[in-house]
Amino acid sequence: MSPRLDEARTRPVRQTAPSATPPAPPALPEQTETGPEGLEGLPEIPPYAEVGPLDARALSKTLFGRLETLEEGTHEYAYVRNTLVELNLALVKFAASRFRSRSEPMEDIIQVGTIGLIKAIDRFELSRGVEFPTFAMPTIVGEIKRFFRDTSWSVRVPRRLQELRLDLAKAGDELAQQLDRAPTVSELAKRLDLTNEEVVEGMAASNAYTASSLDAQPEEDDSEGALADRIGYEDHGLEGIEFVESLKPLIAELPSRDRQILSLRFVANMTQSEIGEELGISQMHVSRLLSRTLNKLRKGLTVEE
């Protein structure tokens, strides 16, 4: 890297014959033309991986000064803005490392933090006299926290319970190290100065943070199948259980012959002709008795409701 960061970008010129015309200075990378201001006078930008924190800060200050003179939407403005993003990605990685214990992939956290970095670059004003890292870090961290608050929870829960979950996780880790075992609800409540009911509520809210897929496969040493194979199924017979229970006392009040006809018709699944032969009565008589009994039961259910 050039020892002087404010030195204009130049390249060594190969010696030519005295009569030859000196070659024009090369354009910046990916630059095809310049605006009225141009990009002359910018310091040389080495590979971003080789830029240290102090050099990145000095380069950023120079680039912010030039960014204020460029018109937004131009090629030159985009080049300087993108260079600022690349130079300060270390701020995003540092902020993202604070959330390494979260369940989200680090690549996603860095991507969200980069959005915060871009917002900070667009809002930064060099005239305020504040160092850019100091200005940008709250914006980057805030963007990452907003990402976890708005998208990481499988089920939306109140902010109070989201914060309680974090407090319980931190207190649980500390107590587990001290006690060499998992802490109880009472111990967590005493540590956080909460009631047992509040701790239980916070622990229940933690279950809403992540959701397991029904098709998720178990561990290799688990002989059971996927989660969908281990949960119960919908019992459609439960839909009519209320009517069955309501009918029981009404049926018990019927004459024995009417109960027998109901049993032969709906339990034994016999036809009216077969019931008539069983009881020694005509099929028409069975039909009248059955209709009368059903009307009586229907009326009884209506009254109960």
Protein backbone atom coordinates (compact mmCIF):
# COMPACT_ATOMS: atom_id res chain seq x y z
CA MET A 1 0.00 0.00 0.00
CA SER A 2 1.22 3.48 -0.74
CA PRO A 3 2.60 5.18 2.39
CA ARG A 4 0.64 8.29 1.56
CA LEU A 5 -3.08 7.53 1.41
CA ASP A 6 -3.93 10.91 -0.10
CA GLU A 7 -1.53 10.48 -2.98
CA ALA A 8 -3.10 10.41 -6.42
CA ARG A 9 -3.50 7.05 -8.15
CA THR A 10 -0.58 6.67 -10.56
CA ARG A 11 1.31 3.91 -12.27
CA PRO A 12 4.99 3.80 -13.34
CA VAL A 13 5.42 4.93 -16.93
CA ARG A 14 7.67 2.78 -19.09
CA GLN A 15 10.56 4.79 -20.55
CA THR A 16 10.11 5.51 -24.22
CA ALA A 17 11.97 7.48 -26.83
CA PRO A 18 12.07 11.23 -26.17
CA SER A 19 9.99 11.92 -29.24
CA ALA A 20 7.24 9.51 -28.22
CA THR A 21 4.03 10.86 -26.73
CA PRO A 22 3.64 9.81 -23.03
CA PRO A 23 0.72 7.42 -22.56
CA ALA A 24 -2.42 8.72 -20.87
CA PRO A 25 -3.04 7.65 -17.24
CA PRO A 26 -5.07 4.44 -17.10
CA ALA A 27 -8.67 4.53 -15.93
CA LEU A 28 -9.76 3.14 -12.59
CA PRO A 29 -10.97 -0.49 -12.53
CA GLU A 30 -14.25 -0.91 -14.39
CA GLN A 31 -14.34 2.82 -15.11
CA THR A 32 -15.20 3.80 -18.63
CA GLU A 33 -15.62 7.54 -18.33
CA THR A 34 -15.65 10.19 -15.66
CA GLY A 35 -18.11 12.90 -14.80
CA PRO A 36 -17.31 16.60 -14.36
CA GLU A 37 -15.47 15.89 -11.14
CA GLY A 38 -14.01 12.54 -12.18
CA LEU A 39 -12.11 10.23 -9.91
CA GLU A 40 -8.70 11.80 -10.27
CA GLY A 41 -6.76 12.24 -7.07
CA LEU A 42 -8.17 9.20 -5.26
CA PRO A 43 -5.63 7.17 -3.26
CA GLU A 44 -4.58 3.79 -4.56
CA ILE A 45 -6.89 1.04 -3.32
CA PRO A 46 -4.95 -2.17 -2.62
CA PRO A 47 -6.63 -5.60 -2.33
CA TYR A 48 -9.24 -5.26 0.39
CA ALA A 49 -7.92 -8.24 2.34
CA GLU A 50 -4.59 -6.40 2.77
CA VAL A 51 -6.09 -3.19 4.19
CA GLY A 52 -5.68 -2.84 7.94
CA PRO A 53 -8.19 -1.09 10.22
CA LEU A 54 -6.24 2.19 10.40
CA ASP A 55 -5.68 2.31 6.66
CA ALA A 56 -9.35 1.45 6.03
CA ARG A 57 -10.39 4.33 8.27
CA ALA A 58 -8.09 6.79 6.50
CA LEU A 59 -9.15 5.59 3.06
CA SER A 60 -12.82 5.78 4.04
CA LYS A 61 -12.43 9.39 5.16
CA THR A 62 -10.92 10.31 1.80
CA LEU A 63 -13.61 8.43 -0.10
CA PHE A 64 -16.42 10.03 1.91
CA GLY A 65 -15.00 13.42 1.05
CA ARG A 66 -15.08 12.55 -2.64
CA LEU A 67 -18.54 10.93 -2.38
CA GLU A 68 -20.04 14.24 -1.25
CA THR A 69 -18.84 15.89 -4.47
CA LEU A 70 -20.29 13.26 -6.81
CA GLU A 71 -23.79 13.12 -8.17
CA GLU A 72 -25.86 10.20 -6.93
CA GLY A 73 -26.69 7.69 -9.65
CA THR A 74 -23.51 8.20 -11.65
CA HIS A 75 -20.91 5.53 -12.33
CA GLU A 76 -18.34 7.40 -10.24
CA TYR A 77 -20.71 7.67 -7.27
CA ALA A 78 -21.46 3.92 -7.43
CA TYR A 79 -17.74 3.08 -7.62
CA VAL A 80 -16.85 5.14 -4.54
CA ARG A 81 -19.87 3.88 -2.61
CA ASN A 82 -19.11 0.23 -3.42
CA THR A 83 -15.49 0.74 -2.44
CA LEU A 84 -16.59 2.09 0.93
CA VAL A 85 -18.74 -1.00 1.45
CA GLU A 86 -15.83 -3.32 0.65
CA LEU A 87 -13.41 -1.42 2.89
CA ASN A 88 -15.72 -1.56 5.90
CA LEU A 89 -16.99 -5.14 5.67
CA ALA A 90 -14.75 -5.91 8.65
CA LEU A 91 -17.19 -3.89 10.78
CA VAL A 92 -20.03 -6.18 9.67
CA LYS A 93 -18.05 -9.34 10.45
CA PHE A 94 -17.12 -8.00 13.88
CA ALA A 95 -20.76 -7.15 14.67
CA ALA A 96 -21.97 -10.50 13.32
CA SER A 97 -19.55 -12.39 15.57
CA ARG A 98 -21.60 -11.24 18.57
CA PHE A 99 -24.49 -13.35 17.27
CA ARG A 100 -22.48 -16.48 16.52
CA SER A 101 -24.46 -18.53 19.04
CA ARG A 102 -27.74 -17.94 17.23
CA SER A 103 -29.29 -20.64 15.10
CA GLU A 104 -29.19 -18.58 11.90
CA PRO A 105 -26.32 -19.20 9.43
CA MET A 106 -23.46 -16.72 9.77
CA GLU A 107 -23.72 -15.93 6.04
CA ASP A 108 -27.27 -14.66 6.53
CA ILE A 109 -26.26 -12.55 9.54
CA ILE A 110 -23.40 -10.96 7.57
CA GLN A 111 -25.73 -10.27 4.66
CA VAL A 112 -28.19 -8.47 6.93
CA GLY A 113 -25.36 -6.58 8.62
CA THR A 114 -24.14 -5.45 5.19
CA ILE A 115 -27.52 -3.85 4.61
CA GLY A 116 -26.99 -1.90 7.82
CA LEU A 117 -23.53 -0.88 6.62
CA ILE A 118 -24.97 0.45 3.35
CA LYS A 119 -27.58 2.43 5.25
CA ALA A 120 -24.86 3.90 7.46
CA ILE A 121 -22.79 4.91 4.41
CA ASP A 122 -25.79 6.66 2.86
CA ARG A 123 -26.51 8.58 6.08
CA PHE A 124 -22.96 9.46 7.08
CA GLU A 125 -21.85 13.09 6.93
CA LEU A 126 -18.14 13.79 7.15
CA SER A 127 -18.76 17.31 8.45
CA ARG A 128 -20.08 16.02 11.77
CA GLY A 129 -16.59 15.08 12.85
CA VAL A 130 -17.55 11.56 13.94
CA GLU A 131 -15.47 8.55 12.98
CA PHE A 132 -17.37 6.30 10.59
CA PRO A 133 -16.98 3.05 12.63
CA THR A 134 -18.47 4.81 15.63
CA PHE A 135 -21.40 5.99 13.52
CA ALA A 136 -21.94 2.75 11.59
CA MET A 137 -21.74 0.12 14.34
CA PRO A 138 -25.12 0.93 16.00
CA THR A 139 -26.82 0.84 12.60
CA ILE A 140 -25.26 -2.51 11.69
CA VAL A 141 -26.08 -4.12 15.04
CA GLY A 142 -29.59 -2.67 14.96
CA GLU A 143 -30.23 -4.15 11.53
CA ILE A 144 -29.09 -7.59 12.71
CA LYS A 145 -31.24 -7.40 15.85
CA ARG A 146 -34.23 -6.33 13.77
CA PHE A 147 -33.66 -9.37 11.55
CA PHE A 148 -33.77 -11.72 14.53
CA ARG A 149 -36.80 -9.97 15.99
CA ASP A 150 -38.87 -9.97 12.81
CA THR A 151 -37.94 -13.17 11.02
CA SER A 152 -36.31 -15.69 13.33
CA TRP A 153 -39.34 -16.59 15.45
CA SER A 154 -41.52 -19.33 14.01
CA VAL A 155 -44.49 -17.97 15.97
CA ARG A 156 -44.83 -14.29 16.72
CA VAL A 157 -44.57 -13.60 20.46
CA PRO A 158 -44.53 -10.29 22.39
CA ARG A 159 -41.25 -8.41 22.67
CA ARG A 160 -41.30 -8.92 26.45
CA LEU A 161 -41.18 -12.70 26.02
CA GLN A 162 -38.48 -12.47 23.35
CA GLU A 163 -36.24 -10.54 25.74
CA LEU A 164 -37.16 -12.89 28.61
CA ARG A 165 -36.03 -15.83 26.51
CA LEU A 166 -32.58 -14.27 26.09
CA ASP A 167 -32.33 -13.54 29.82
CA LEU A 168 -33.33 -17.11 30.67
CA ALA A 169 -30.78 -18.54 28.25
CA LYS A 170 -27.98 -16.43 29.72
CA ALA A 171 -28.97 -17.15 33.32
CA GLY A 172 -29.38 -20.85 32.55
CA ASP A 173 -25.85 -21.10 31.15
CA GLU A 174 -24.34 -19.30 34.13
CA LEU A 175 -26.20 -21.40 36.69
CA ALA A 176 -25.41 -24.62 34.84
CA GLN A 177 -21.69 -23.84 35.13
CA GLN A 178 -21.99 -23.02 38.83
CA LEU A 179 -24.23 -25.95 39.80
CA ASP A 180 -22.86 -28.50 37.33
CA ARG A 181 -26.46 -29.35 36.39
CA ALA A 182 -29.47 -27.79 34.75
CA PRO A 183 -31.05 -25.12 36.99
CA THR A 184 -34.60 -25.46 38.27
CA VAL A 185 -37.42 -23.02 37.67
CA SER A 186 -37.09 -21.69 41.22
CA GLU A 187 -33.36 -21.10 40.81
CA LEU A 188 -33.90 -19.24 37.54
CA ALA A 189 -36.66 -17.15 39.10
CA LYS A 190 -34.41 -16.22 42.03
CA ARG A 191 -31.52 -15.33 39.72
CA LEU A 192 -33.65 -13.03 37.53
CA ASP A 193 -35.89 -11.75 40.35
CA LEU A 194 -39.00 -13.15 38.70
CA THR A 195 -41.88 -15.35 39.75
CA ASN A 196 -41.99 -19.03 38.88
CA GLU A 197 -44.97 -18.37 36.61
CA GLU A 198 -43.02 -15.76 34.62
CA VAL A 199 -40.10 -18.17 34.17
CA VAL A 200 -42.43 -20.92 32.96
CA GLU A 201 -44.05 -18.48 30.54
CA GLY A 202 -40.65 -17.50 29.17
CA MET A 203 -39.61 -21.13 28.78
CA ALA A 204 -42.85 -21.88 26.93
CA ALA A 205 -42.23 -18.91 24.63
CA SER A 206 -38.81 -20.34 23.77
CA ASN A 207 -40.57 -23.22 22.02
CA ALA A 208 -41.89 -20.74 19.46
CA TYR A 209 -38.40 -19.68 18.34
CA THR A 210 -37.78 -22.59 16.01
CA ALA A 211 -40.10 -25.13 14.44
CA SER A 212 -39.23 -28.64 13.30
CA SER A 213 -40.33 -29.95 9.95
CA LEU A 214 -42.75 -32.88 9.98
CA ASP A 215 -40.53 -34.53 7.37
CA ALA A 216 -37.34 -34.07 9.40
CA GLN A 217 -35.43 -37.31 9.74
CA PRO A 218 -34.33 -38.49 13.20
CA GLU A 219 -30.76 -38.96 14.33
CA GLU A 220 -28.81 -41.88 12.94
CA ASP A 221 -29.08 -43.85 16.18
CA ASP A 222 -32.83 -43.23 16.43
CA SER A 223 -34.90 -46.17 15.27
CA GLU A 224 -38.09 -44.12 14.94
CA GLY A 225 -39.18 -42.57 11.67
CA ALA A 226 -39.88 -38.96 10.76
CA LEU A 227 -41.86 -36.74 13.09
CA ALA A 228 -44.96 -37.05 10.91
CA ASP A 229 -44.89 -40.82 11.51
CA ARG A 230 -44.83 -40.40 15.28
CA ILE A 231 -47.66 -37.97 15.83
CA GLY A 232 -51.33 -38.90 16.21
CA TYR A 233 -53.87 -38.87 13.42
CA GLU A 234 -57.25 -37.20 13.22
CA ASP A 235 -60.00 -39.44 14.59
CA HIS A 236 -63.16 -38.60 12.67
CA GLY A 237 -65.17 -40.68 15.11
CA LEU A 238 -64.75 -37.94 17.67
CA GLU A 239 -66.94 -35.63 15.61
CA GLY A 240 -70.12 -37.46 16.66
CA ILE A 241 -69.16 -38.35 20.22
CA GLU A 242 -71.19 -35.47 21.62
CA PHE A 243 -74.37 -36.68 19.92
CA VAL A 244 -73.76 -40.26 21.03
CA GLU A 245 -73.43 -39.20 24.65
CA SER A 246 -76.55 -37.04 24.38
CA LEU A 247 -78.54 -39.91 22.87
CA LYS A 248 -77.68 -42.44 25.58
CA PRO A 249 -80.15 -41.18 28.24
CA LEU A 250 -82.87 -40.67 25.60
CA ILE A 251 -82.50 -44.22 24.29
CA ALA A 252 -82.56 -45.59 27.83
CA GLU A 253 -86.05 -44.11 28.29
CA LEU A 254 -87.49 -45.86 25.22
CA PRO A 255 -89.62 -49.03 25.46
CA SER A 256 -87.67 -52.25 25.11
CA ARG A 257 -89.16 -53.04 21.66
CA ASP A 258 -88.17 -49.64 20.30
CA ARG A 259 -84.65 -50.09 21.65
CA GLN A 260 -84.50 -53.53 20.05
CA ILE A 261 -85.61 -52.14 16.69
CA LEU A 262 -82.93 -49.46 16.86
CA SER A 263 -80.31 -52.05 17.72
CA LEU A 264 -81.32 -54.38 14.89
CA ARG A 265 -81.46 -51.53 12.36
CA PHE A 266 -78.32 -49.49 13.21
CA VAL A 267 -76.10 -52.00 15.04
CA ALA A 268 -76.93 -55.30 13.32
CA ASN A 269 -77.58 -53.40 10.06
CA MET A 270 -80.72 -55.40 9.28
CA THR A 271 -83.35 -54.29 6.79
CA GLN A 272 -86.90 -53.44 7.85
CA SER A 273 -88.16 -56.68 6.30
CA GLU A 274 -85.61 -58.70 8.28
CA ILE A 275 -86.56 -56.88 11.46
CA GLY A 276 -90.24 -57.63 10.81
CA GLU A 277 -89.50 -61.33 10.42
CA GLU A 278 -87.38 -61.24 13.61
CA LEU A 279 -90.18 -59.60 15.65
CA GLY A 280 -93.17 -61.21 13.91
CA ILE A 281 -94.60 -57.94 12.58
CA SER A 282 -95.02 -56.44 9.14
CA GLN A 283 -92.38 -54.36 7.40
CA MET A 284 -94.81 -51.40 7.31
CA HIS A 285 -95.26 -51.63 11.08
CA VAL A 286 -91.49 -51.64 11.59
CA SER A 287 -91.20 -48.54 9.40
CA ARG A 288 -93.83 -46.66 11.45
CA LEU A 289 -92.23 -47.65 14.77
CA LEU A 290 -88.77 -46.68 13.55
CA SER A 291 -89.96 -43.29 12.24
CA ARG A 292 -91.77 -42.56 15.51
CA THR A 293 -88.70 -43.46 17.57
CA LEU A 294 -86.34 -41.37 15.46
CA ASN A 295 -88.65 -38.35 15.63
CA LYS A 296 -88.79 -38.71 19.40
CA LEU A 297 -85.02 -38.86 19.70
CA ARG A 298 -84.58 -35.93 17.32
CA LYS A 299 -87.01 -33.88 19.36
CA GLY A 300 -85.19 -34.82 22.56
CA LEU A 301 -81.87 -33.65 21.13
CA THR A 302 -83.43 -30.36 20.06
CA VAL A 303 -84.74 -29.75 23.55
CA GLU A 304 -81.35 -30.56 25.05
CA GLU A 305 -79.64 -28.01 22.79
